[in-house]
Amino acid sequence: MSNYYEFNYTDDKESFEYFNSLSTNILKNILNENFDYIESFLEVFSNVFKSIFNGTDYDEFYYSCKSLIEELNDIKIILNILKERDINE
Protein backbone atom coordinates (compact mmCIF):
# COMPACT_ATOMS: atom_id res chain seq x y z
CA MET A 1 0.00 0.00 0.00
CA SER A 2 3.00 2.33 0.25
CA ASN A 3 2.82 3.06 -3.48
CA TYR A 4 -0.90 3.81 -3.43
CA TYR A 5 -0.53 7.55 -4.05
CA GLU A 6 2.22 7.38 -6.64
CA PHE A 7 0.56 8.59 -9.81
CA ASN A 8 1.84 10.35 -12.87
CA TYR A 9 -0.02 13.59 -13.38
CA THR A 10 0.17 16.56 -15.68
CA ASP A 11 2.95 18.93 -14.66
CA ASP A 12 0.65 21.75 -13.61
CA LYS A 13 2.54 23.93 -11.14
CA GLU A 14 -0.32 26.38 -10.58
CA SER A 15 -2.73 23.62 -9.59
CA PHE A 16 -0.13 21.93 -7.44
CA GLU A 17 0.70 25.15 -5.59
CA TYR A 18 -2.99 25.94 -5.10
CA PHE A 19 -3.84 22.52 -3.69
CA ASN A 20 -0.68 22.43 -1.61
CA SER A 21 -1.70 25.68 0.09
CA LEU A 22 -4.96 24.14 1.34
CA SER A 23 -5.42 22.32 4.64
CA THR A 24 -5.74 18.55 4.77
CA ASN A 25 -9.44 18.80 5.70
CA ILE A 26 -10.18 21.04 2.73
CA LEU A 27 -8.30 18.66 0.42
CA LYS A 28 -10.31 15.73 1.72
CA ASN A 29 -13.54 17.67 1.10
CA ILE A 30 -12.41 18.51 -2.43
CA LEU A 31 -11.64 14.83 -3.04
CA ASN A 32 -15.09 13.88 -1.83
CA GLU A 33 -16.70 16.49 -4.09
CA ASN A 34 -14.57 15.36 -7.05
CA PHE A 35 -15.58 11.74 -6.59
CA ASP A 36 -19.26 12.80 -6.40
CA TYR A 37 -18.74 14.88 -9.54
CA ILE A 38 -17.15 11.94 -11.35
CA GLU A 39 -20.02 9.69 -10.31
CA SER A 40 -22.56 12.12 -11.75
CA PHE A 41 -20.50 12.41 -14.95
CA LEU A 42 -20.50 8.65 -15.34
CA GLU A 43 -24.27 8.70 -15.06
CA VAL A 44 -24.39 11.33 -17.80
CA PHE A 45 -22.00 9.25 -19.94
CA SER A 46 -24.33 6.29 -19.77
CA ASN A 47 -27.16 8.49 -21.06
CA VAL A 48 -24.92 10.01 -23.74
CA PHE A 49 -23.87 6.57 -24.95
CA LYS A 50 -27.51 5.66 -25.25
CA SER A 51 -28.12 8.82 -27.28
CA ILE A 52 -25.02 8.32 -29.46
CA PHE A 53 -26.45 5.13 -30.79
CA ASN A 54 -29.51 7.16 -31.80
CA GLY A 55 -27.42 9.59 -33.88
CA THR A 56 -26.39 12.29 -31.35
CA ASP A 57 -23.53 14.72 -31.94
CA TYR A 58 -20.15 13.59 -30.49
CA ASP A 59 -19.00 17.07 -29.33
CA GLU A 60 -20.88 16.92 -26.04
CA PHE A 61 -19.37 13.52 -25.26
CA TYR A 62 -15.86 14.70 -26.14
CA TYR A 63 -15.99 17.76 -23.85
CA SER A 64 -17.52 15.72 -21.04
CA CYS A 65 -14.61 13.29 -21.30
CA LYS A 66 -12.12 16.17 -21.19
CA SER A 67 -13.76 17.51 -18.01
CA LEU A 68 -13.59 14.10 -16.40
CA ILE A 69 -9.90 13.85 -17.24
CA GLU A 70 -9.26 17.21 -15.54
CA GLU A 71 -11.10 16.04 -12.41
CA LEU A 72 -9.02 12.86 -12.30
CA ASN A 73 -5.80 14.85 -12.65
CA ASP A 74 -6.82 17.08 -9.72
CA ILE A 75 -7.45 13.97 -7.63
CA LYS A 76 -3.99 12.64 -8.47
CA ILE A 77 -2.38 15.94 -7.44
CA ILE A 78 -4.30 16.03 -4.15
CA LEU A 79 -3.44 12.42 -3.34
CA ASN A 80 0.24 13.11 -3.93
CA ILE A 81 0.09 16.14 -1.62
CA LEU A 82 -1.68 14.13 1.07
CA LYS A 83 0.90 11.36 0.77
CA GLU A 84 3.74 13.82 1.31
CA ARG A 85 1.95 15.30 4.32
CA ASP A 86 1.44 11.85 5.82
CA ILE A 87 5.14 11.08 5.41
CA ASN A 88 6.20 14.40 6.97
CA GLU A 89 3.80 14.28 9.95
PDB file of N, CA and C in Angstrom:
ATOM      1  N   MET A   1       0.812  -1.198   0.000  1.00  0.00           N
ATOM      2  CA  MET A   1       0.000   0.000   0.000  1.00  0.00           C
ATOM      3  C   MET A   1       0.858   1.266   0.000  1.00  0.00           C
ATOM      4  N   SER A   2       2.140   1.153   0.201  1.00  0.00           N
ATOM      5  CA  SER A   2       2.997   2.334   0.252  1.00  0.00           C
ATOM      6  C   SER A   2       3.051   3.077  -1.077  1.00  0.00           C
ATOM      7  N   ASN A   3       2.797   2.409  -2.175  1.00  0.00           N
ATOM      8  CA  ASN A   3       2.816   3.064  -3.485  1.00  0.00           C
ATOM      9  C   ASN A   3       1.440   3.545  -3.939  1.00  0.00           C
ATOM     10  N   TYR A   4       0.474   3.508  -3.061  1.00  0.00           N
ATOM     11  CA  TYR A   4      -0.904   3.809  -3.427  1.00  0.00           C
ATOM     12  C   TYR A   4      -1.059   5.177  -4.075  1.00  0.00           C
ATOM     13  N   TYR A   5      -0.358   6.184  -3.556  1.00  0.00           N
ATOM     14  CA  TYR A   5      -0.526   7.548  -4.049  1.00  0.00           C
ATOM     15  C   TYR A   5       0.407   7.915  -5.190  1.00  0.00           C
ATOM     16  N   GLU A   6       1.256   7.028  -5.608  1.00  0.00           N
ATOM     17  CA  GLU A   6       2.221   7.384  -6.636  1.00  0.00           C
ATOM     18  C   GLU A   6       1.592   7.314  -8.020  1.00  0.00           C
ATOM     19  N   PHE A   7       1.180   8.476  -8.495  1.00  0.00           N
ATOM     20  CA  PHE A   7       0.559   8.593  -9.811  1.00  0.00           C
ATOM     21  C   PHE A   7       1.388   9.539 -10.659  1.00  0.00           C
ATOM     22  N   ASN A   8       1.315   9.347 -11.948  1.00  0.00           N
ATOM     23  CA  ASN A   8       1.840  10.348 -12.869  1.00  0.00           C
ATOM     24  C   ASN A   8       0.701  11.320 -13.133  1.00  0.00           C
ATOM     25  N   TYR A   9       1.008  12.594 -13.101  1.00  0.00           N
ATOM     26  CA  TYR A   9      -0.017  13.593 -13.376  1.00  0.00           C
ATOM     27  C   TYR A   9       0.588  14.696 -14.214  1.00  0.00           C
ATOM     28  N   THR A  10      -0.282  15.468 -14.841  1.00  0.00           N
ATOM     29  CA  THR A  10       0.165  16.564 -15.679  1.00  0.00           C
ATOM     30  C   THR A  10       0.992  17.540 -14.849  1.00  0.00           C
ATOM     31  N   ASP A  11       2.098  17.985 -15.380  1.00  0.00           N
ATOM     32  CA  ASP A  11       2.947  18.934 -14.665  1.00  0.00           C
ATOM     33  C   ASP A  11       2.276  20.304 -14.692  1.00  0.00           C
ATOM     34  N   ASP A  12       1.441  20.535 -13.700  1.00  0.00           N
ATOM     35  CA  ASP A  12       0.646  21.753 -13.614  1.00  0.00           C
ATOM     36  C   ASP A  12       1.006  22.442 -12.303  1.00  0.00           C
ATOM     37  N   LYS A  13       2.023  23.305 -12.353  1.00  0.00           N
ATOM     38  CA  LYS A  13       2.541  23.926 -11.138  1.00  0.00           C
ATOM     39  C   LYS A  13       1.498  24.793 -10.445  1.00  0.00           C
ATOM     40  N   GLU A  14       0.688  25.515 -11.198  1.00  0.00           N
ATOM     41  CA  GLU A  14      -0.316  26.379 -10.580  1.00  0.00           C
ATOM     42  C   GLU A  14      -1.306  25.565  -9.761  1.00  0.00           C
ATOM     43  N   SER A  15      -1.805  24.468 -10.327  1.00  0.00           N
ATOM     44  CA  SER A  15      -2.734  23.620  -9.586  1.00  0.00           C
ATOM     45  C   SER A  15      -2.059  23.006  -8.379  1.00  0.00           C
ATOM     46  N   PHE A  16      -0.840  22.535  -8.551  1.00  0.00           N
ATOM     47  CA  PHE A  16      -0.126  21.925  -7.440  1.00  0.00           C
ATOM     48  C   PHE A  16       0.059  22.927  -6.299  1.00  0.00           C
ATOM     49  N   GLU A  17       0.487  24.134  -6.622  1.00  0.00           N
ATOM     50  CA  GLU A  17       0.698  25.147  -5.593  1.00  0.00           C
ATOM     51  C   GLU A  17      -0.615  25.522  -4.906  1.00  0.00           C
ATOM     52  N   TYR A  18      -1.681  25.627  -5.674  1.00  0.00           N
ATOM     53  CA  TYR A  18      -2.986  25.943  -5.096  1.00  0.00           C
ATOM     54  C   TYR A  18      -3.408  24.852  -4.113  1.00  0.00           C
ATOM     55  N   PHE A  19      -3.409  23.611  -4.561  1.00  0.00           N
ATOM     56  CA  PHE A  19      -3.840  22.516  -3.693  1.00  0.00           C
ATOM     57  C   PHE A  19      -2.908  22.360  -2.489  1.00  0.00           C
ATOM     58  N   ASN A  20      -1.638  22.567  -2.693  1.00  0.00           N
ATOM     59  CA  ASN A  20      -0.676  22.430  -1.615  1.00  0.00           C
ATOM     60  C   ASN A  20      -0.887  23.478  -0.529  1.00  0.00           C
ATOM     61  N   SER A  21      -1.465  24.611  -0.886  1.00  0.00           N
ATOM     62  CA  SER A  21      -1.704  25.679   0.086  1.00  0.00           C
ATOM     63  C   SER A  21      -2.929  25.417   0.966  1.00  0.00           C
ATOM     64  N   LEU A  22      -3.729  24.422   0.606  1.00  0.00           N
ATOM     65  CA  LEU A  22      -4.959  24.135   1.341  1.00  0.00           C
ATOM     66  C   LEU A  22      -4.702  23.161   2.490  1.00  0.00           C
ATOM     67  N   SER A  23      -5.550  23.242   3.504  1.00  0.00           N
ATOM     68  CA  SER A  23      -5.424  22.325   4.643  1.00  0.00           C
ATOM     69  C   SER A  23      -5.825  20.912   4.230  1.00  0.00           C
ATOM     70  N   THR A  24      -5.424  19.954   5.032  1.00  0.00           N
ATOM     71  CA  THR A  24      -5.743  18.553   4.767  1.00  0.00           C
ATOM     72  C   THR A  24      -7.253  18.337   4.745  1.00  0.00           C
ATOM     73  N   ASN A  25      -7.973  18.962   5.671  1.00  0.00           N
ATOM     74  CA  ASN A  25      -9.436  18.803   5.696  1.00  0.00           C
ATOM     75  C   ASN A  25     -10.097  19.339   4.433  1.00  0.00           C
ATOM     76  N   ILE A  26      -9.624  20.478   3.968  1.00  0.00           N
ATOM     77  CA  ILE A  26     -10.183  21.038   2.730  1.00  0.00           C
ATOM     78  C   ILE A  26      -9.868  20.121   1.558  1.00  0.00           C
ATOM     79  N   LEU A  27      -8.652  19.587   1.513  1.00  0.00           N
ATOM     80  CA  LEU A  27      -8.296  18.664   0.424  1.00  0.00           C
ATOM     81  C   LEU A  27      -9.182  17.424   0.439  1.00  0.00           C
ATOM     82  N   LYS A  28      -9.443  16.902   1.629  1.00  0.00           N
ATOM     83  CA  LYS A  28     -10.314  15.735   1.721  1.00  0.00           C
ATOM     84  C   LYS A  28     -11.723  16.062   1.249  1.00  0.00           C
ATOM     85  N   ASN A  29     -12.213  17.254   1.573  1.00  0.00           N
ATOM     86  CA  ASN A  29     -13.539  17.671   1.098  1.00  0.00           C
ATOM     87  C   ASN A  29     -13.561  17.816  -0.417  1.00  0.00           C
ATOM     88  N   ILE A  30     -12.494  18.370  -0.966  1.00  0.00           N
ATOM     89  CA  ILE A  30     -12.407  18.507  -2.427  1.00  0.00           C
ATOM     90  C   ILE A  30     -12.405  17.132  -3.083  1.00  0.00           C
ATOM     91  N   LEU A  31     -11.659  16.194  -2.494  1.00  0.00           N
ATOM     92  CA  LEU A  31     -11.642  14.833  -3.038  1.00  0.00           C
ATOM     93  C   LEU A  31     -13.043  14.233  -3.026  1.00  0.00           C
ATOM     94  N   ASN A  32     -13.737  14.399  -1.928  1.00  0.00           N
ATOM     95  CA  ASN A  32     -15.090  13.877  -1.829  1.00  0.00           C
ATOM     96  C   ASN A  32     -15.993  14.487  -2.900  1.00  0.00           C
ATOM     97  N   GLU A  33     -15.910  15.805  -3.065  1.00  0.00           N
ATOM     98  CA  GLU A  33     -16.700  16.486  -4.089  1.00  0.00           C
ATOM     99  C   GLU A  33     -16.313  16.005  -5.494  1.00  0.00           C
ATOM    100  N   ASN A  34     -15.015  15.825  -5.735  1.00  0.00           N
ATOM    101  CA  ASN A  34     -14.571  15.362  -7.049  1.00  0.00           C
ATOM    102  C   ASN A  34     -15.091  13.967  -7.355  1.00  0.00           C
ATOM    103  N   PHE A  35     -15.056  13.081  -6.363  1.00  0.00           N
ATOM    104  CA  PHE A  35     -15.580  11.739  -6.589  1.00  0.00           C
ATOM    105  C   PHE A  35     -17.085  11.776  -6.856  1.00  0.00           C
ATOM    106  N   ASP A  36     -17.818  12.646  -6.139  1.00  0.00           N
ATOM    107  CA  ASP A  36     -19.257  12.800  -6.396  1.00  0.00           C
ATOM    108  C   ASP A  36     -19.487  13.331  -7.809  1.00  0.00           C
ATOM    109  N   TYR A  37     -18.640  14.293  -8.207  1.00  0.00           N
ATOM    110  CA  TYR A  37     -18.739  14.880  -9.539  1.00  0.00           C
ATOM    111  C   TYR A  37     -18.485  13.824 -10.617  1.00  0.00           C
ATOM    112  N   ILE A  38     -17.467  13.008 -10.402  1.00  0.00           N
ATOM    113  CA  ILE A  38     -17.154  11.938 -11.354  1.00  0.00           C
ATOM    114  C   ILE A  38     -18.303  10.951 -11.448  1.00  0.00           C
ATOM    115  N   GLU A  39     -18.888  10.612 -10.307  1.00  0.00           N
ATOM    116  CA  GLU A  39     -20.022   9.689 -10.309  1.00  0.00           C
ATOM    117  C   GLU A  39     -21.186  10.245 -11.133  1.00  0.00           C
ATOM    118  N   SER A  40     -21.472  11.531 -10.970  1.00  0.00           N
ATOM    119  CA  SER A  40     -22.565  12.119 -11.746  1.00  0.00           C
ATOM    120  C   SER A  40     -22.213  12.168 -13.233  1.00  0.00           C
ATOM    121  N   PHE A  41     -20.922  12.431 -13.551  1.00  0.00           N
ATOM    122  CA  PHE A  41     -20.498  12.412 -14.947  1.00  0.00           C
ATOM    123  C   PHE A  41     -20.678  11.031 -15.565  1.00  0.00           C
ATOM    124  N   LEU A  42     -20.340  10.006 -14.820  1.00  0.00           N
ATOM    125  CA  LEU A  42     -20.502   8.649 -15.342  1.00  0.00           C
ATOM    126  C   LEU A  42     -21.967   8.344 -15.628  1.00  0.00           C
ATOM    127  N   GLU A  43     -22.838   8.869 -14.807  1.00  0.00           N
ATOM    128  CA  GLU A  43     -24.273   8.702 -15.061  1.00  0.00           C
ATOM    129  C   GLU A  43     -24.664   9.401 -16.366  1.00  0.00           C
ATOM    130  N   VAL A  44     -24.124  10.600 -16.551  1.00  0.00           N
ATOM    131  CA  VAL A  44     -24.386  11.329 -17.804  1.00  0.00           C
ATOM    132  C   VAL A  44     -23.825  10.560 -18.990  1.00  0.00           C
ATOM    133  N   PHE A  45     -22.608  10.012 -18.847  1.00  0.00           N
ATOM    134  CA  PHE A  45     -21.997   9.250 -19.939  1.00  0.00           C
ATOM    135  C   PHE A  45     -22.886   8.089 -20.363  1.00  0.00           C
ATOM    136  N   SER A  46     -23.467   7.419 -19.400  1.00  0.00           N
ATOM    137  CA  SER A  46     -24.329   6.287 -19.766  1.00  0.00           C
ATOM    138  C   SER A  46     -25.506   6.764 -20.606  1.00  0.00           C
ATOM    139  N   ASN A  47     -26.056   7.932 -20.260  1.00  0.00           N
ATOM    140  CA  ASN A  47     -27.157   8.486 -21.061  1.00  0.00           C
ATOM    141  C   ASN A  47     -26.679   8.965 -22.427  1.00  0.00           C
ATOM    142  N   VAL A  48     -25.466   9.539 -22.462  1.00  0.00           N
ATOM    143  CA  VAL A  48     -24.921  10.008 -23.736  1.00  0.00           C
ATOM    144  C   VAL A  48     -24.660   8.832 -24.665  1.00  0.00           C
ATOM    145  N   PHE A  49     -24.088   7.754 -24.121  1.00  0.00           N
ATOM    146  CA  PHE A  49     -23.866   6.570 -24.954  1.00  0.00           C
ATOM    147  C   PHE A  49     -25.177   6.074 -25.554  1.00  0.00           C
ATOM    148  N   LYS A  50     -26.204   6.088 -24.760  1.00  0.00           N
ATOM    149  CA  LYS A  50     -27.512   5.663 -25.255  1.00  0.00           C
ATOM    150  C   LYS A  50     -27.951   6.564 -26.407  1.00  0.00           C
ATOM    151  N   SER A  51     -27.736   7.866 -26.243  1.00  0.00           N
ATOM    152  CA  SER A  51     -28.122   8.816 -27.282  1.00  0.00           C
ATOM    153  C   SER A  51     -27.236   8.716 -28.526  1.00  0.00           C
ATOM    154  N   ILE A  52     -25.949   8.425 -28.328  1.00  0.00           N
ATOM    155  CA  ILE A  52     -25.025   8.322 -29.464  1.00  0.00           C
ATOM    156  C   ILE A  52     -25.515   7.269 -30.440  1.00  0.00           C
ATOM    157  N   PHE A  53     -25.991   6.194 -29.910  1.00  0.00           N
ATOM    158  CA  PHE A  53     -26.450   5.132 -30.790  1.00  0.00           C
ATOM    159  C   PHE A  53     -27.742   5.507 -31.514  1.00  0.00           C
ATOM    160  N   ASN A  54     -28.332   6.643 -31.087  1.00  0.00           N
ATOM    161  CA  ASN A  54     -29.512   7.158 -31.795  1.00  0.00           C
ATOM    162  C   ASN A  54     -29.145   8.346 -32.679  1.00  0.00           C
ATOM    163  N   GLY A  55     -27.850   8.558 -32.931  1.00  0.00           N
ATOM    164  CA  GLY A  55     -27.415   9.588 -33.878  1.00  0.00           C
ATOM    165  C   GLY A  55     -27.101  10.936 -33.270  1.00  0.00           C
ATOM    166  N   THR A  56     -26.699  11.011 -32.007  1.00  0.00           N
ATOM    167  CA  THR A  56     -26.391  12.287 -31.355  1.00  0.00           C
ATOM    168  C   THR A  56     -25.012  12.787 -31.772  1.00  0.00           C
ATOM    169  N   ASP A  57     -24.805  14.091 -31.644  1.00  0.00           N
ATOM    170  CA  ASP A  57     -23.531  14.722 -31.939  1.00  0.00           C
ATOM    171  C   ASP A  57     -22.481  14.268 -30.918  1.00  0.00           C
ATOM    172  N   TYR A  58     -21.216  14.079 -31.363  1.00  0.00           N
ATOM    173  CA  TYR A  58     -20.153  13.595 -30.493  1.00  0.00           C
ATOM    174  C   TYR A  58     -19.472  14.703 -29.674  1.00  0.00           C
ATOM    175  N   ASP A  59     -19.682  15.980 -30.029  1.00  0.00           N
ATOM    176  CA  ASP A  59     -18.999  17.072 -29.334  1.00  0.00           C
ATOM    177  C   ASP A  59     -19.279  17.074 -27.834  1.00  0.00           C
ATOM    178  N   GLU A  60     -20.524  16.899 -27.450  1.00  0.00           N
ATOM    179  CA  GLU A  60     -20.879  16.916 -26.036  1.00  0.00           C
ATOM    180  C   GLU A  60     -20.147  15.803 -25.293  1.00  0.00           C
ATOM    181  N   PHE A  61     -20.063  14.644 -25.883  1.00  0.00           N
ATOM    182  CA  PHE A  61     -19.369  13.518 -25.260  1.00  0.00           C
ATOM    183  C   PHE A  61     -17.883  13.814 -25.119  1.00  0.00           C
ATOM    184  N   TYR A  62     -17.282  14.383 -26.169  1.00  0.00           N
ATOM    185  CA  TYR A  62     -15.863  14.703 -26.137  1.00  0.00           C
ATOM    186  C   TYR A  62     -15.530  15.670 -24.996  1.00  0.00           C
ATOM    187  N   TYR A  63     -16.271  16.773 -24.886  1.00  0.00           N
ATOM    188  CA  TYR A  63     -15.986  17.763 -23.850  1.00  0.00           C
ATOM    189  C   TYR A  63     -16.298  17.231 -22.452  1.00  0.00           C
ATOM    190  N   SER A  64     -17.243  16.360 -22.325  1.00  0.00           N
ATOM    191  CA  SER A  64     -17.520  15.719 -21.042  1.00  0.00           C
ATOM    192  C   SER A  64     -16.341  14.842 -20.633  1.00  0.00           C
ATOM    193  N   CYS A  65     -15.788  14.125 -21.588  1.00  0.00           N
ATOM    194  CA  CYS A  65     -14.613  13.293 -21.299  1.00  0.00           C
ATOM    195  C   CYS A  65     -13.436  14.157 -20.869  1.00  0.00           C
ATOM    196  N   LYS A  66     -13.210  15.271 -21.547  1.00  0.00           N
ATOM    197  CA  LYS A  66     -12.117  16.165 -21.189  1.00  0.00           C
ATOM    198  C   LYS A  66     -12.295  16.703 -19.768  1.00  0.00           C
ATOM    199  N   SER A  67     -13.505  17.035 -19.371  1.00  0.00           N
ATOM    200  CA  SER A  67     -13.765  17.515 -18.011  1.00  0.00           C
ATOM    201  C   SER A  67     -13.479  16.434 -16.985  1.00  0.00           C
ATOM    202  N   LEU A  68     -13.858  15.223 -17.297  1.00  0.00           N
ATOM    203  CA  LEU A  68     -13.593  14.102 -16.396  1.00  0.00           C
ATOM    204  C   LEU A  68     -12.090  13.879 -16.236  1.00  0.00           C
ATOM    205  N   ILE A  69     -11.352  13.993 -17.296  1.00  0.00           N
ATOM    206  CA  ILE A  69      -9.899  13.847 -17.242  1.00  0.00           C
ATOM    207  C   ILE A  69      -9.286  14.912 -16.331  1.00  0.00           C
ATOM    208  N   GLU A  70      -9.764  16.150 -16.412  1.00  0.00           N
ATOM    209  CA  GLU A  70      -9.256  17.208 -15.544  1.00  0.00           C
ATOM    210  C   GLU A  70      -9.557  16.900 -14.076  1.00  0.00           C
ATOM    211  N   GLU A  71     -10.746  16.400 -13.798  1.00  0.00           N
ATOM    212  CA  GLU A  71     -11.098  16.036 -12.415  1.00  0.00           C
ATOM    213  C   GLU A  71     -10.170  14.939 -11.895  1.00  0.00           C
ATOM    214  N   LEU A  72      -9.907  13.945 -12.710  1.00  0.00           N
ATOM    215  CA  LEU A  72      -9.016  12.859 -12.296  1.00  0.00           C
ATOM    216  C   LEU A  72      -7.601  13.368 -12.044  1.00  0.00           C
ATOM    217  N   ASN A  73      -7.141  14.292 -12.855  1.00  0.00           N
ATOM    218  CA  ASN A  73      -5.804  14.853 -12.653  1.00  0.00           C
ATOM    219  C   ASN A  73      -5.736  15.613 -11.332  1.00  0.00           C
ATOM    220  N   ASP A  74      -6.793  16.374 -10.999  1.00  0.00           N
ATOM    221  CA  ASP A  74      -6.824  17.076  -9.722  1.00  0.00           C
ATOM    222  C   ASP A  74      -6.770  16.094  -8.558  1.00  0.00           C
ATOM    223  N   ILE A  75      -7.470  14.986  -8.676  1.00  0.00           N
ATOM    224  CA  ILE A  75      -7.450  13.967  -7.634  1.00  0.00           C
ATOM    225  C   ILE A  75      -6.044  13.412  -7.460  1.00  0.00           C
ATOM    226  N   LYS A  76      -5.361  13.156  -8.548  1.00  0.00           N
ATOM    227  CA  LYS A  76      -3.994  12.643  -8.470  1.00  0.00           C
ATOM    228  C   LYS A  76      -3.080  13.639  -7.763  1.00  0.00           C
ATOM    229  N   ILE A  77      -3.209  14.921  -8.077  1.00  0.00           N
ATOM    230  CA  ILE A  77      -2.383  15.943  -7.440  1.00  0.00           C
ATOM    231  C   ILE A  77      -2.656  15.971  -5.939  1.00  0.00           C
ATOM    232  N   ILE A  78      -3.931  15.974  -5.571  1.00  0.00           N
ATOM    233  CA  ILE A  78      -4.301  16.029  -4.151  1.00  0.00           C
ATOM    234  C   ILE A  78      -3.783  14.804  -3.407  1.00  0.00           C
ATOM    235  N   LEU A  79      -3.921  13.636  -3.993  1.00  0.00           N
ATOM    236  CA  LEU A  79      -3.444  12.418  -3.339  1.00  0.00           C
ATOM    237  C   LEU A  79      -1.933  12.446  -3.134  1.00  0.00           C
ATOM    238  N   ASN A  80      -1.213  12.984  -4.100  1.00  0.00           N
ATOM    239  CA  ASN A  80       0.236  13.110  -3.933  1.00  0.00           C
ATOM    240  C   ASN A  80       0.579  14.079  -2.801  1.00  0.00           C
ATOM    241  N   ILE A  81      -0.143  15.178  -2.702  1.00  0.00           N
ATOM    242  CA  ILE A  81       0.086  16.141  -1.624  1.00  0.00           C
ATOM    243  C   ILE A  81      -0.207  15.496  -0.275  1.00  0.00           C
ATOM    244  N   LEU A  82      -1.321  14.789  -0.183  1.00  0.00           N
ATOM    245  CA  LEU A  82      -1.682  14.128   1.072  1.00  0.00           C
ATOM    246  C   LEU A  82      -0.654  13.073   1.463  1.00  0.00           C
ATOM    247  N   LYS A  83      -0.135  12.364   0.473  1.00  0.00           N
ATOM    248  CA  LYS A  83       0.899  11.359   0.767  1.00  0.00           C
ATOM    249  C   LYS A  83       2.121  12.018   1.378  1.00  0.00           C
ATOM    250  N   GLU A  84       2.574  13.119   0.786  1.00  0.00           N
ATOM    251  CA  GLU A  84       3.736  13.821   1.307  1.00  0.00           C
ATOM    252  C   GLU A  84       3.481  14.333   2.711  1.00  0.00           C
ATOM    253  N   ARG A  85       2.279  14.809   2.970  1.00  0.00           N
ATOM    254  CA  ARG A  85       1.947  15.296   4.316  1.00  0.00           C
ATOM    255  C   ARG A  85       1.959  14.162   5.320  1.00  0.00           C
ATOM    256  N   ASP A  86       1.437  13.006   4.924  1.00  0.00           N
ATOM    257  CA  ASP A  86       1.440  11.850   5.817  1.00  0.00           C
ATOM    258  C   ASP A  86       2.857  11.428   6.167  1.00  0.00           C
ATOM    259  N   ILE A  87       3.739  11.478   5.194  1.00  0.00           N
ATOM    260  CA  ILE A  87       5.136  11.083   5.414  1.00  0.00           C
ATOM    261  C   ILE A  87       5.827  12.072   6.354  1.00  0.00           C
ATOM    262  N   ASN A  88       5.523  13.354   6.190  1.00  0.00           N
ATOM    263  CA  ASN A  88       6.200  14.398   6.965  1.00  0.00           C
ATOM    264  C   ASN A  88       5.589  14.605   8.350  1.00  0.00           C
ATOM    265  N   GLU A  89       4.434  14.054   8.646  1.00  0.00           N
ATOM    266  CA  GLU A  89       3.798  14.277   9.953  1.00  0.00           C
ATOM    267  C   GLU A  89       4.213  13.268  10.955  1.00  0.00           C
TER     268      GLU A  89
END
